[in-house]
PDB file of all heavy atoms in Angstrom:
ATOM      1  N   PHE A   1     -42.660  28.024 -48.917  1.00  0.00           N
ATOM      2  CA  PHE A   1     -43.623  27.286 -49.740  1.00  0.00           C
ATOM      3  C   PHE A   1     -43.260  25.806 -49.796  1.00  0.00           C
ATOM      4  O   PHE A   1     -44.129  24.938 -49.761  1.00  0.00           O
ATOM      5  CB  PHE A   1     -43.667  27.876 -51.156  1.00  0.00           C
ATOM      6  CG  PHE A   1     -44.544  29.088 -51.299  1.00  0.00           C
ATOM      7  CD1 PHE A   1     -43.987  30.341 -51.468  1.00  0.00           C
ATOM      8  CD2 PHE A   1     -45.917  28.972 -51.268  1.00  0.00           C
ATOM      9  CE1 PHE A   1     -44.787  31.466 -51.604  1.00  0.00           C
ATOM     10  CE2 PHE A   1     -46.730  30.083 -51.400  1.00  0.00           C
ATOM     11  CZ  PHE A   1     -46.167  31.342 -51.577  1.00  0.00           C
ATOM     12  N   HIS A   2     -41.978  25.526 -49.900  1.00  0.00           N
ATOM     13  CA  HIS A   2     -41.521  24.134 -49.914  1.00  0.00           C
ATOM     14  C   HIS A   2     -41.954  23.404 -48.649  1.00  0.00           C
ATOM     15  O   HIS A   2     -42.382  22.238 -48.703  1.00  0.00           O
ATOM     16  CB  HIS A   2     -39.997  24.106 -50.054  1.00  0.00           C
ATOM     17  CG  HIS A   2     -39.377  22.761 -49.868  1.00  0.00           C
ATOM     18  ND1 HIS A   2     -39.441  21.767 -50.822  1.00  0.00           N
ATOM     19  CD2 HIS A   2     -38.682  22.233 -48.817  1.00  0.00           C
ATOM     20  CE1 HIS A   2     -38.815  20.696 -50.380  1.00  0.00           C
ATOM     21  NE2 HIS A   2     -38.354  20.941 -49.171  1.00  0.00           N
ATOM     22  N   LYS A   3     -41.867  24.069 -47.517  1.00  0.00           N
ATOM     23  CA  LYS A   3     -42.295  23.466 -46.253  1.00  0.00           C
ATOM     24  C   LYS A   3     -43.782  23.127 -46.268  1.00  0.00           C
ATOM     25  O   LYS A   3     -44.213  22.213 -45.556  1.00  0.00           O
ATOM     26  CB  LYS A   3     -42.000  24.403 -45.078  1.00  0.00           C
ATOM     27  CG  LYS A   3     -40.566  24.443 -44.647  1.00  0.00           C
ATOM     28  CD  LYS A   3     -40.424  24.836 -43.187  1.00  0.00           C
ATOM     29  CE  LYS A   3     -41.008  26.176 -42.862  1.00  0.00           C
ATOM     30  NZ  LYS A   3     -40.732  26.555 -41.441  1.00  0.00           N
ATOM     31  N   ARG A   4     -44.547  23.873 -47.064  1.00  0.00           N
ATOM     32  CA  ARG A   4     -45.989  23.618 -47.160  1.00  0.00           C
ATOM     33  C   ARG A   4     -46.313  22.538 -48.191  1.00  0.00           C
ATOM     34  O   ARG A   4     -47.471  22.244 -48.437  1.00  0.00           O
ATOM     35  CB  ARG A   4     -46.718  24.913 -47.527  1.00  0.00           C
ATOM     36  CG  ARG A   4     -46.655  26.005 -46.461  1.00  0.00           C
ATOM     37  CD  ARG A   4     -47.541  25.686 -45.272  1.00  0.00           C
ATOM     38  NE  ARG A   4     -48.925  25.535 -45.648  1.00  0.00           N
ATOM     39  CZ  ARG A   4     -49.815  26.536 -45.685  1.00  0.00           C
ATOM     40  NH1 ARG A   4     -49.435  27.761 -45.366  1.00  0.00           N
ATOM     41  NH2 ARG A   4     -51.068  26.310 -46.018  1.00  0.00           N
ATOM     42  N   GLY A   5     -45.296  21.964 -48.802  1.00  0.00           N
ATOM     43  CA  GLY A   5     -45.507  20.871 -49.742  1.00  0.00           C
ATOM     44  C   GLY A   5     -45.631  21.280 -51.195  1.00  0.00           C
ATOM     45  O   GLY A   5     -45.985  20.446 -52.043  1.00  0.00           O
ATOM     46  N   CYS A   6     -45.329  22.539 -51.518  1.00  0.00           N
ATOM     47  CA  CYS A   6     -45.425  23.019 -52.903  1.00  0.00           C
ATOM     48  C   CYS A   6     -44.136  22.720 -53.663  1.00  0.00           C
ATOM     49  O   CYS A   6     -43.050  22.715 -53.091  1.00  0.00           O
ATOM     50  CB  CYS A   6     -45.672  24.526 -52.932  1.00  0.00           C
ATOM     51  SG  CYS A   6     -47.176  25.072 -52.125  1.00  0.00           S
ATOM     52  N   HIS A   7     -44.274  22.496 -54.968  1.00  0.00           N
ATOM     53  CA  HIS A   7     -43.095  22.447 -55.831  1.00  0.00           C
ATOM     54  C   HIS A   7     -42.740  23.874 -56.200  1.00  0.00           C
ATOM     55  O   HIS A   7     -43.591  24.665 -56.608  1.00  0.00           O
ATOM     56  CB  HIS A   7     -43.373  21.637 -57.096  1.00  0.00           C
ATOM     57  CG  HIS A   7     -42.188  21.605 -58.008  1.00  0.00           C
ATOM     58  ND1 HIS A   7     -41.160  20.697 -57.852  1.00  0.00           N
ATOM     59  CD2 HIS A   7     -41.843  22.403 -59.057  1.00  0.00           C
ATOM     60  CE1 HIS A   7     -40.240  20.918 -58.779  1.00  0.00           C
ATOM     61  NE2 HIS A   7     -40.630  21.945 -59.514  1.00  0.00           N
ATOM     62  N   VAL A   8     -41.442  24.231 -56.059  1.00  0.00           N
ATOM     63  CA  VAL A   8     -41.016  25.617 -56.256  1.00  0.00           C
ATOM     64  C   VAL A   8     -39.927  25.683 -57.314  1.00  0.00           C
ATOM     65  O   VAL A   8     -38.967  24.909 -57.291  1.00  0.00           O
ATOM     66  CB  VAL A   8     -40.492  26.229 -54.938  1.00  0.00           C
ATOM     67  CG1 VAL A   8     -40.320  27.735 -55.105  1.00  0.00           C
ATOM     68  CG2 VAL A   8     -41.429  25.926 -53.780  1.00  0.00           C
ATOM     69  N   GLU A   9     -40.081  26.637 -58.228  1.00  0.00           N
ATOM     70  CA  GLU A   9     -39.065  26.924 -59.235  1.00  0.00           C
ATOM     71  C   GLU A   9     -38.597  28.366 -59.091  1.00  0.00           C
ATOM     72  O   GLU A   9     -39.339  29.230 -58.615  1.00  0.00           O
ATOM     73  CB  GLU A   9     -39.622  26.712 -60.644  1.00  0.00           C
ATOM     74  CG  GLU A   9     -39.943  25.270 -61.000  1.00  0.00           C
ATOM     75  CD  GLU A   9     -38.712  24.408 -61.224  1.00  0.00           C
ATOM     76  OE1 GLU A   9     -37.594  24.966 -61.218  1.00  0.00           O
ATOM     77  OE2 GLU A   9     -38.869  23.196 -61.398  1.00  0.00           O
ATOM     78  N   ARG A  10     -37.351  28.635 -59.521  1.00  0.00           N
ATOM     79  CA  ARG A  10     -36.799  29.993 -59.494  1.00  0.00           C
ATOM     80  C   ARG A  10     -36.961  30.709 -60.824  1.00  0.00           C
ATOM     81  O   ARG A  10     -37.009  31.933 -60.881  1.00  0.00           O
ATOM     82  CB  ARG A  10     -35.293  29.966 -59.186  1.00  0.00           C
ATOM     83  CG  ARG A  10     -34.937  29.541 -57.787  1.00  0.00           C
ATOM     84  CD  ARG A  10     -33.437  29.682 -57.547  1.00  0.00           C
ATOM     85  NE  ARG A  10     -33.026  31.070 -57.425  1.00  0.00           N
ATOM     86  CZ  ARG A  10     -32.083  31.651 -58.137  1.00  0.00           C
ATOM     87  NH1 ARG A  10     -31.436  30.966 -59.077  1.00  0.00           N
ATOM     88  NH2 ARG A  10     -31.760  32.918 -57.937  1.00  0.00           N
ATOM     89  N   ASP A  11     -37.018  29.935 -61.898  1.00  0.00           N
ATOM     90  CA  ASP A  11     -36.976  30.505 -63.243  1.00  0.00           C
ATOM     91  C   ASP A  11     -38.180  30.008 -64.027  1.00  0.00           C
ATOM     92  O   ASP A  11     -38.461  28.802 -64.045  1.00  0.00           O
ATOM     93  CB  ASP A  11     -35.672  30.082 -63.931  1.00  0.00           C
ATOM     94  CG  ASP A  11     -35.399  30.851 -65.207  1.00  0.00           C
ATOM     95  OD1 ASP A  11     -36.344  31.078 -65.988  1.00  0.00           O
ATOM     96  OD2 ASP A  11     -34.231  31.216 -65.440  1.00  0.00           O
ATOM     97  N   GLU A  12     -38.856  30.915 -64.696  1.00  0.00           N
ATOM     98  CA  GLU A  12     -40.067  30.539 -65.433  1.00  0.00           C
ATOM     99  C   GLU A  12     -39.774  29.625 -66.616  1.00  0.00           C
ATOM    100  O   GLU A  12     -40.684  29.002 -67.155  1.00  0.00           O
ATOM    101  CB  GLU A  12     -40.822  31.780 -65.913  1.00  0.00           C
ATOM    102  CG  GLU A  12     -40.077  32.671 -66.859  1.00  0.00           C
ATOM    103  CD  GLU A  12     -40.854  33.942 -67.177  1.00  0.00           C
ATOM    104  OE1 GLU A  12     -41.265  34.654 -66.249  1.00  0.00           O
ATOM    105  OE2 GLU A  12     -41.043  34.206 -68.388  1.00  0.00           O
ATOM    106  N   ARG A  13     -38.504  29.494 -66.996  1.00  0.00           N
ATOM    107  CA  ARG A  13     -38.161  28.553 -68.069  1.00  0.00           C
ATOM    108  C   ARG A  13     -38.600  27.138 -67.739  1.00  0.00           C
ATOM    109  O   ARG A  13     -38.885  26.338 -68.637  1.00  0.00           O
ATOM    110  CB  ARG A  13     -36.651  28.542 -68.309  1.00  0.00           C
ATOM    111  CG  ARG A  13     -36.054  29.797 -68.905  1.00  0.00           C
ATOM    112  CD  ARG A  13     -34.552  29.632 -69.002  1.00  0.00           C
ATOM    113  NE  ARG A  13     -33.942  29.395 -67.696  1.00  0.00           N
ATOM    114  CZ  ARG A  13     -32.794  28.740 -67.524  1.00  0.00           C
ATOM    115  NH1 ARG A  13     -32.156  28.224 -68.570  1.00  0.00           N
ATOM    116  NH2 ARG A  13     -32.291  28.584 -66.315  1.00  0.00           N
ATOM    117  N   PHE A  14     -38.629  26.805 -66.436  1.00  0.00           N
ATOM    118  CA  PHE A  14     -38.939  25.440 -66.023  1.00  0.00           C
ATOM    119  C   PHE A  14     -40.429  25.215 -65.755  1.00  0.00           C
ATOM    120  O   PHE A  14     -40.815  24.132 -65.301  1.00  0.00           O
ATOM    121  CB  PHE A  14     -38.118  25.083 -64.786  1.00  0.00           C
ATOM    122  CG  PHE A  14     -36.630  25.172 -65.007  1.00  0.00           C
ATOM    123  CD1 PHE A  14     -35.895  26.205 -64.441  1.00  0.00           C
ATOM    124  CD2 PHE A  14     -35.985  24.237 -65.802  1.00  0.00           C
ATOM    125  CE1 PHE A  14     -34.524  26.298 -64.653  1.00  0.00           C
ATOM    126  CE2 PHE A  14     -34.614  24.321 -66.018  1.00  0.00           C
ATOM    127  CZ  PHE A  14     -33.880  25.356 -65.450  1.00  0.00           C
ATOM    128  N   LEU A  15     -41.249  26.215 -66.045  1.00  0.00           N
ATOM    129  CA  LEU A  15     -42.693  26.065 -65.820  1.00  0.00           C
ATOM    130  C   LEU A  15     -43.380  25.288 -66.933  1.00  0.00           C
ATOM    131  O   LEU A  15     -44.494  24.792 -66.741  1.00  0.00           O
ATOM    132  CB  LEU A  15     -43.351  27.440 -65.670  1.00  0.00           C
ATOM    133  CG  LEU A  15     -42.961  28.254 -64.430  1.00  0.00           C
ATOM    134  CD1 LEU A  15     -43.682  29.596 -64.462  1.00  0.00           C
ATOM    135  CD2 LEU A  15     -43.296  27.489 -63.155  1.00  0.00           C
ATOM    136  N   GLU A  16     -42.736  25.185 -68.090  1.00  0.00           N
ATOM    137  CA  GLU A  16     -43.363  24.521 -69.227  1.00  0.00           C
ATOM    138  C   GLU A  16     -43.788  23.096 -68.883  1.00  0.00           C
ATOM    139  O   GLU A  16     -44.839  22.625 -69.322  1.00  0.00           O
ATOM    140  CB  GLU A  16     -42.405  24.499 -70.421  1.00  0.00           C
ATOM    141  CG  GLU A  16     -42.143  25.858 -71.048  1.00  0.00           C
ATOM    142  CD  GLU A  16     -43.313  26.366 -71.867  1.00  0.00           C
ATOM    143  OE1 GLU A  16     -44.305  25.622 -72.020  1.00  0.00           O
ATOM    144  OE2 GLU A  16     -43.240  27.508 -72.342  1.00  0.00           O
ATOM    145  N   GLN A  17     -42.992  22.390 -68.082  1.00  0.00           N
ATOM    146  CA  GLN A  17     -43.295  20.991 -67.777  1.00  0.00           C
ATOM    147  C   GLN A  17     -44.508  20.845 -66.874  1.00  0.00           C
ATOM    148  O   GLN A  17     -45.040  19.739 -66.735  1.00  0.00           O
ATOM    149  CB  GLN A  17     -42.084  20.334 -67.122  1.00  0.00           C
ATOM    150  CG  GLN A  17     -41.636  20.973 -65.830  1.00  0.00           C
ATOM    151  CD  GLN A  17     -40.335  20.401 -65.323  1.00  0.00           C
ATOM    152  OE1 GLN A  17     -40.260  19.233 -64.958  1.00  0.00           O
ATOM    153  NE2 GLN A  17     -39.291  21.223 -65.308  1.00  0.00           N
ATOM    154  N   PHE A  18     -44.962  21.955 -66.239  1.00  0.00           N
ATOM    155  CA  PHE A  18     -46.123  21.905 -65.362  1.00  0.00           C
ATOM    156  C   PHE A  18     -47.358  22.553 -65.988  1.00  0.00           C
ATOM    157  O   PHE A  18     -48.469  22.345 -65.509  1.00  0.00           O
ATOM    158  CB  PHE A  18     -45.813  22.601 -64.037  1.00  0.00           C
ATOM    159  CG  PHE A  18     -44.598  22.070 -63.347  1.00  0.00           C
ATOM    160  CD1 PHE A  18     -43.388  22.755 -63.408  1.00  0.00           C
ATOM    161  CD2 PHE A  18     -44.647  20.869 -62.656  1.00  0.00           C
ATOM    162  CE1 PHE A  18     -42.257  22.266 -62.776  1.00  0.00           C
ATOM    163  CE2 PHE A  18     -43.519  20.374 -62.017  1.00  0.00           C
ATOM    164  CZ  PHE A  18     -42.327  21.075 -62.079  1.00  0.00           C
ATOM    165  N   ALA A  19     -47.177  23.366 -67.003  1.00  0.00           N
ATOM    166  CA  ALA A  19     -48.279  24.069 -67.656  1.00  0.00           C
ATOM    167  C   ALA A  19     -49.119  23.083 -68.488  1.00  0.00           C
ATOM    168  O   ALA A  19     -48.650  21.990 -68.822  1.00  0.00           O
ATOM    169  CB  ALA A  19     -47.724  25.191 -68.528  1.00  0.00           C
ATOM    170  N   PRO A  20     -50.376  23.477 -68.821  1.00  0.00           N
ATOM    171  CA  PRO A  20     -51.007  24.766 -68.519  1.00  0.00           C
ATOM    172  C   PRO A  20     -51.665  24.764 -67.143  1.00  0.00           C
ATOM    173  O   PRO A  20     -51.966  23.714 -66.583  1.00  0.00           O
ATOM    174  CB  PRO A  20     -52.055  24.891 -69.624  1.00  0.00           C
ATOM    175  CG  PRO A  20     -52.479  23.469 -69.889  1.00  0.00           C
ATOM    176  CD  PRO A  20     -51.216  22.646 -69.726  1.00  0.00           C
ATOM    177  N   PHE A  21     -51.882  25.979 -66.615  1.00  0.00           N
ATOM    178  CA  PHE A  21     -52.488  26.149 -65.306  1.00  0.00           C
ATOM    179  C   PHE A  21     -53.921  26.648 -65.458  1.00  0.00           C
ATOM    180  O   PHE A  21     -54.220  27.450 -66.344  1.00  0.00           O
ATOM    181  CB  PHE A  21     -51.679  27.145 -64.470  1.00  0.00           C
ATOM    182  CG  PHE A  21     -50.294  26.655 -64.144  1.00  0.00           C
ATOM    183  CD1 PHE A  21     -49.216  27.010 -64.936  1.00  0.00           C
ATOM    184  CD2 PHE A  21     -50.082  25.838 -63.046  1.00  0.00           C
ATOM    185  CE1 PHE A  21     -47.943  26.554 -64.642  1.00  0.00           C
ATOM    186  CE2 PHE A  21     -48.807  25.374 -62.744  1.00  0.00           C
ATOM    187  CZ  PHE A  21     -47.740  25.728 -63.545  1.00  0.00           C
ATOM    188  N   ASP A  22     -54.770  26.194 -64.556  1.00  0.00           N
ATOM    189  CA  ASP A  22     -56.165  26.650 -64.560  1.00  0.00           C
ATOM    190  C   ASP A  22     -56.290  28.048 -63.971  1.00  0.00           C
ATOM    191  O   ASP A  22     -57.181  28.812 -64.358  1.00  0.00           O
ATOM    192  CB  ASP A  22     -57.039  25.685 -63.758  1.00  0.00           C
ATOM    193  CG  ASP A  22     -57.074  24.295 -64.371  1.00  0.00           C
ATOM    194  OD1 ASP A  22     -57.798  24.118 -65.368  1.00  0.00           O
ATOM    195  OD2 ASP A  22     -56.366  23.406 -63.865  1.00  0.00           O
ATOM    196  N   ILE A  23     -55.417  28.373 -63.026  1.00  0.00           N
ATOM    197  CA  ILE A  23     -55.431  29.695 -62.404  1.00  0.00           C
ATOM    198  C   ILE A  23     -54.003  30.104 -62.085  1.00  0.00           C
ATOM    199  O   ILE A  23     -53.195  29.292 -61.620  1.00  0.00           O
ATOM    200  CB  ILE A  23     -56.316  29.719 -61.137  1.00  0.00           C
ATOM    201  CG1 ILE A  23     -56.249  31.098 -60.450  1.00  0.00           C
ATOM    202  CG2 ILE A  23     -55.929  28.625 -60.160  1.00  0.00           C
ATOM    203  CD1 ILE A  23     -57.252  31.277 -59.321  1.00  0.00           C
ATOM    204  N   ILE A  24     -53.685  31.356 -62.372  1.00  0.00           N
ATOM    205  CA  ILE A  24     -52.381  31.937 -62.039  1.00  0.00           C
ATOM    206  C   ILE A  24     -52.642  33.174 -61.187  1.00  0.00           C
ATOM    207  O   ILE A  24     -53.398  34.068 -61.589  1.00  0.00           O
ATOM    208  CB  ILE A  24     -51.585  32.328 -63.296  1.00  0.00           C
ATOM    209  CG1 ILE A  24     -51.272  31.083 -64.141  1.00  0.00           C
ATOM    210  CG2 ILE A  24     -50.294  33.047 -62.912  1.00  0.00           C
ATOM    211  CD1 ILE A  24     -50.560  31.387 -65.452  1.00  0.00           C
ATOM    212  N   VAL A  25     -52.020  33.219 -60.022  1.00  0.00           N
ATOM    213  CA  VAL A  25     -52.106  34.401 -59.165  1.00  0.00           C
ATOM    214  C   VAL A  25     -50.712  34.993 -59.067  1.00  0.00           C
ATOM    215  O   VAL A  25     -49.738  34.299 -58.746  1.00  0.00           O
ATOM    216  CB  VAL A  25     -52.698  34.047 -57.778  1.00  0.00           C
ATOM    217  CG1 VAL A  25     -51.921  32.936 -57.099  1.00  0.00           C
ATOM    218  CG2 VAL A  25     -52.739  35.272 -56.877  1.00  0.00           C
ATOM    219  N   THR A  26     -50.586  36.277 -59.374  1.00  0.00           N
ATOM    220  CA  THR A  26     -49.272  36.890 -59.514  1.00  0.00           C
ATOM    221  C   THR A  26     -49.361  38.389 -59.301  1.00  0.00           C
ATOM    222  O   THR A  26     -50.455  38.935 -59.044  1.00  0.00           O
ATOM    223  CB  THR A  26     -48.679  36.579 -60.904  1.00  0.00           C
ATOM    224  OG1 THR A  26     -47.344  37.072 -60.976  1.00  0.00           O
ATOM    225  CG2 THR A  26     -49.524  37.197 -62.020  1.00  0.00           C
ATOM    226  N   ARG A  27     -48.232  39.074 -59.412  1.00  0.00           N
ATOM    227  CA  ARG A  27     -48.216  40.532 -59.328  1.00  0.00           C
ATOM    228  C   ARG A  27     -48.589  41.136 -60.678  1.00  0.00           C
ATOM    229  O   ARG A  27     -48.396  40.510 -61.734  1.00  0.00           O
ATOM    230  CB  ARG A  27     -46.825  41.025 -58.919  1.00  0.00           C
ATOM    231  CG  ARG A  27     -46.404  40.614 -57.517  1.00  0.00           C
ATOM    232  CD  ARG A  27     -45.135  41.341 -57.112  1.00  0.00           C
ATOM    233  NE  ARG A  27     -44.676  40.928 -55.796  1.00  0.00           N
ATOM    234  CZ  ARG A  27     -45.156  41.393 -54.653  1.00  0.00           C
ATOM    235  NH1 ARG A  27     -46.128  42.288 -54.669  1.00  0.00           N
ATOM    236  NH2 ARG A  27     -44.683  40.978 -53.494  1.00  0.00           N
ATOM    237  N   ARG A  28     -49.081  42.364 -60.634  1.00  0.00           N
ATOM    238  CA  ARG A  28     -49.378  43.072 -61.876  1.00  0.00           C
ATOM    239  C   ARG A  28     -48.101  43.261 -62.684  1.00  0.00           C
ATOM    240  O   ARG A  28     -47.042  43.517 -62.124  1.00  0.00           O
ATOM    241  CB  ARG A  28     -50.015  44.433 -61.580  1.00  0.00           C
ATOM    242  CG  ARG A  28     -51.385  44.341 -60.931  1.00  0.00           C
ATOM    243  CD  ARG A  28     -52.044  45.702 -60.807  1.00  0.00           C
ATOM    244  NE  ARG A  28     -53.319  45.601 -60.116  1.00  0.00           N
ATOM    245  CZ  ARG A  28     -54.457  45.240 -60.703  1.00  0.00           C
ATOM    246  NH1 ARG A  28     -54.450  44.962 -61.997  1.00  0.00           N
ATOM    247  NH2 ARG A  28     -55.584  45.174 -60.008  1.00  0.00           N
ATOM    248  N   GLY A  29     -48.222  43.126 -63.977  1.00  0.00           N
ATOM    249  CA  GLY A  29     -47.071  43.294 -64.850  1.00  0.00           C
ATOM    250  C   GLY A  29     -46.343  42.007 -65.184  1.00  0.00           C
ATOM    251  O   GLY A  29     -45.451  42.009 -66.033  1.00  0.00           O
ATOM    252  N   SER A  30     -46.722  40.908 -64.525  1.00  0.00           N
ATOM    253  CA  SER A  30     -46.089  39.622 -64.840  1.00  0.00           C
ATOM    254  C   SER A  30     -46.605  39.116 -66.179  1.00  0.00           C
ATOM    255  O   SER A  30     -47.806  39.134 -66.445  1.00  0.00           O
ATOM    256  CB  SER A  30     -46.400  38.600 -63.743  1.00  0.00           C
ATOM    257  OG  SER A  30     -45.873  39.024 -62.498  1.00  0.00           O
ATOM    258  N   ASN A  31     -45.706  38.633 -67.000  1.00  0.00           N
ATOM    259  CA  ASN A  31     -46.069  38.170 -68.344  1.00  0.00           C
ATOM    260  C   ASN A  31     -46.100  36.640 -68.356  1.00  0.00           C
ATOM    261  O   ASN A  31     -45.193  35.987 -68.870  1.00  0.00           O
ATOM    262  CB  ASN A  31     -45.060  38.708 -69.364  1.00  0.00           C
ATOM    263  CG  ASN A  31     -45.426  38.339 -70.783  1.00  0.00           C
ATOM    264  OD1 ASN A  31     -46.583  38.097 -71.098  1.00  0.00           O
ATOM    265  ND2 ASN A  31     -44.427  38.286 -71.646  1.00  0.00           N
ATOM    266  N   LEU A  32     -47.143  36.079 -67.775  1.00  0.00           N
ATOM    267  CA  LEU A  32     -47.228  34.626 -67.627  1.00  0.00           C
ATOM    268  C   LEU A  32     -48.437  34.031 -68.332  1.00  0.00           C
ATOM    269  O   LEU A  32     -48.735  32.845 -68.137  1.00  0.00           O
ATOM    270  CB  LEU A  32     -47.281  34.275 -66.129  1.00  0.00           C
ATOM    271  CG  LEU A  32     -46.071  34.705 -65.287  1.00  0.00           C
ATOM    272  CD1 LEU A  32     -46.344  34.471 -63.811  1.00  0.00           C
ATOM    273  CD2 LEU A  32     -44.830  33.946 -65.722  1.00  0.00           C
ATOM    274  N   GLU A  33     -49.099  34.807 -69.169  1.00  0.00           N
ATOM    275  CA  GLU A  33     -50.315  34.326 -69.816  1.00  0.00           C
ATOM    276  C   GLU A  33     -50.079  33.083 -70.648  1.00  0.00           C
ATOM    277  O   GLU A  33     -50.991  32.252 -70.819  1.00  0.00           O
ATOM    278  CB  GLU A  33     -50.916  35.430 -70.698  1.00  0.00           C
ATOM    279  CG  GLU A  33     -51.524  36.590 -69.941  1.00  0.00           C
ATOM    280  CD  GLU A  33     -50.481  37.627 -69.527  1.00  0.00           C
ATOM    281  OE1 GLU A  33     -49.270  37.402 -69.809  1.00  0.00           O
ATOM    282  OE2 GLU A  33     -50.875  38.647 -68.932  1.00  0.00           O
ATOM    283  N   ARG A  34     -48.873  32.906 -71.169  1.00  0.00           N
ATOM    284  CA  ARG A  34     -48.593  31.748 -72.036  1.00  0.00           C
ATOM    285  C   ARG A  34     -48.681  30.432 -71.266  1.00  0.00           C
ATOM    286  O   ARG A  34     -48.768  29.361 -71.877  1.00  0.00           O
ATOM    287  CB  ARG A  34     -47.219  31.889 -72.682  1.00  0.00           C
ATOM    288  CG  ARG A  34     -46.040  31.869 -71.717  1.00  0.00           C
ATOM    289  CD  ARG A  34     -44.767  32.242 -72.427  1.00  0.00           C
ATOM    290  NE  ARG A  34     -43.576  32.183 -71.599  1.00  0.00           N
ATOM    291  CZ  ARG A  34     -43.231  33.127 -70.744  1.00  0.00           C
ATOM    292  NH1 ARG A  34     -43.996  34.202 -70.585  1.00  0.00           N
ATOM    293  NH2 ARG A  34     -42.116  33.019 -70.029  1.00  0.00           N
ATOM    294  N   PHE A  35     -48.630  30.483 -69.925  1.00  0.00           N
ATOM    295  CA  PHE A  35     -48.725  29.269 -69.120  1.00  0.00           C
ATOM    296  C   PHE A  35     -50.164  28.988 -68.680  1.00  0.00           C
ATOM    297  O   PHE A  35     -50.410  27.999 -67.991  1.00  0.00           O
ATOM    298  CB  PHE A  35     -47.839  29.382 -67.872  1.00  0.00           C
ATOM    299  CG  PHE A  35     -46.384  29.569 -68.186  1.00  0.00           C
ATOM    300  CD1 PHE A  35     -45.738  30.750 -67.852  1.00  0.00           C
ATOM    301  CD2 PHE A  35     -45.658  28.567 -68.821  1.00  0.00           C
ATOM    302  CE1 PHE A  35     -44.395  30.923 -68.128  1.00  0.00           C
ATOM    303  CE2 PHE A  35     -44.311  28.726 -69.108  1.00  0.00           C
ATOM    304  CZ  PHE A  35     -43.677  29.920 -68.762  1.00  0.00           C
ATOM    305  N   LEU A  36     -51.102  29.838 -69.084  1.00  0.00           N
ATOM    306  CA  LEU A  36     -52.493  29.708 -68.649  1.00  0.00           C
ATOM    307  C   LEU A  36     -53.292  28.870 -69.645  1.00  0.00           C
ATOM    308  O   LEU A  36     -53.171  29.030 -70.864  1.00  0.00           O
ATOM    309  CB  LEU A  36     -53.121  31.098 -68.528  1.00  0.00           C
ATOM    310  CG  LEU A  36     -54.475  31.209 -67.843  1.00  0.00           C
ATOM    311  CD1 LEU A  36     -54.379  30.813 -66.383  1.00  0.00           C
ATOM    312  CD2 LEU A  36     -55.008  32.654 -67.986  1.00  0.00           C
ATOM    313  N   LYS A  37     -54.089  27.975 -69.098  1.00  0.00           N
ATOM    314  CA  LYS A  37     -54.973  27.155 -69.942  1.00  0.00           C
ATOM    315  C   LYS A  37     -55.993  28.047 -70.638  1.00  0.00           C
ATOM    316  O   LYS A  37     -56.426  29.082 -70.099  1.00  0.00           O
ATOM    317  CB  LYS A  37     -55.684  26.123 -69.077  1.00  0.00           C
ATOM    318  CG  LYS A  37     -56.617  25.183 -69.829  1.00  0.00           C
ATOM    319  CD  LYS A  37     -57.335  24.245 -68.887  1.00  0.00           C
ATOM    320  CE  LYS A  37     -56.375  23.280 -68.236  1.00  0.00           C
ATOM    321  NZ  LYS A  37     -57.091  22.261 -67.402  1.00  0.00           N
ATOM    322  N   SER A  38     -56.408  27.681 -71.825  1.00  0.00           N
ATOM    323  CA  SER A  38     -57.455  28.401 -72.522  1.00  0.00           C
ATOM    324  C   SER A  38     -58.710  28.425 -71.659  1.00  0.00           C
ATOM    325  O   SER A  38     -59.195  27.386 -71.220  1.00  0.00           O
ATOM    326  CB  SER A  38     -57.761  27.747 -73.868  1.00  0.00           C
ATOM    327  OG  SER A  38     -58.822  28.414 -74.515  1.00  0.00           O
ATOM    328  N   GLY A  39     -59.213  29.613 -71.384  1.00  0.00           N
ATOM    329  CA  GLY A  39     -60.360  29.732 -70.501  1.00  0.00           C
ATOM    330  C   GLY A  39     -59.995  29.801 -69.029  1.00  0.00           C
ATOM    331  O   GLY A  39     -60.875  29.878 -68.178  1.00  0.00           O
ATOM    332  N   GLY A  40     -58.671  29.758 -68.734  1.00  0.00           N
ATOM    333  CA  GLY A  40     -58.213  29.833 -67.343  1.00  0.00           C
ATOM    334  C   GLY A  40     -58.322  31.241 -66.791  1.00  0.00           C
ATOM    335  O   GLY A  40     -58.684  32.188 -67.498  1.00  0.00           O
ATOM    336  N   ARG A  41     -57.979  31.377 -65.529  1.00  0.00           N
ATOM    337  CA  ARG A  41     -58.165  32.657 -64.838  1.00  0.00           C
ATOM    338  C   ARG A  41     -56.829  33.205 -64.341  1.00  0.00           C
ATOM    339  O   ARG A  41     -56.037  32.485 -63.770  1.00  0.00           O
ATOM    340  CB  ARG A  41     -59.107  32.467 -63.658  1.00  0.00           C
ATOM    341  CG  ARG A  41     -59.468  33.775 -62.959  1.00  0.00           C
ATOM    342  CD  ARG A  41     -60.571  33.568 -61.957  1.00  0.00           C
ATOM    343  NE  ARG A  41     -60.966  34.811 -61.348  1.00  0.00           N
ATOM    344  CZ  ARG A  41     -61.880  34.933 -60.414  1.00  0.00           C
ATOM    345  NH1 ARG A  41     -62.494  33.831 -59.965  1.00  0.00           N
ATOM    346  NH2 ARG A  41     -62.201  36.095 -59.908  1.00  0.00           N
ATOM    347  N   MET A  42     -56.606  34.488 -64.609  1.00  0.00           N
ATOM    348  CA  MET A  42     -55.422  35.199 -64.137  1.00  0.00           C
ATOM    349  C   MET A  42     -55.837  36.182 -63.066  1.00  0.00           C
ATOM    350  O   MET A  42     -56.701  37.030 -63.290  1.00  0.00           O
ATOM    351  CB  MET A  42     -54.743  35.940 -65.299  1.00  0.00           C
ATOM    352  CG  MET A  42     -53.497  36.706 -64.916  1.00  0.00           C
ATOM    353  SD  MET A  42     -52.034  35.666 -64.771  1.00  0.00           S
ATOM    354  CE  MET A  42     -51.702  35.315 -66.505  1.00  0.00           C
ATOM    355  N   VAL A  43     -55.232  36.074 -61.891  1.00  0.00           N
ATOM    356  CA  VAL A  43     -55.502  37.004 -60.788  1.00  0.00           C
ATOM    357  C   VAL A  43     -54.235  37.802 -60.547  1.00  0.00           C
ATOM    358  O   VAL A  43     -53.204  37.263 -60.160  1.00  0.00           O
ATOM    359  CB  VAL A  43     -55.907  36.248 -59.499  1.00  0.00           C
ATOM    360  CG1 VAL A  43     -56.135  37.239 -58.357  1.00  0.00           C
ATOM    361  CG2 VAL A  43     -57.146  35.400 -59.726  1.00  0.00           C
TER     362      VAL A  43
END
């Protein structure tokens, strides 16, 4: 992903500085709703 120009983190603790997100795409069972913008989309 880094080679494609994305910023990559290992730990969700560091996602706060980038949130909120308009769309989150993840595996089932991931508890990431707190990083989603109100009205955003979870896939």
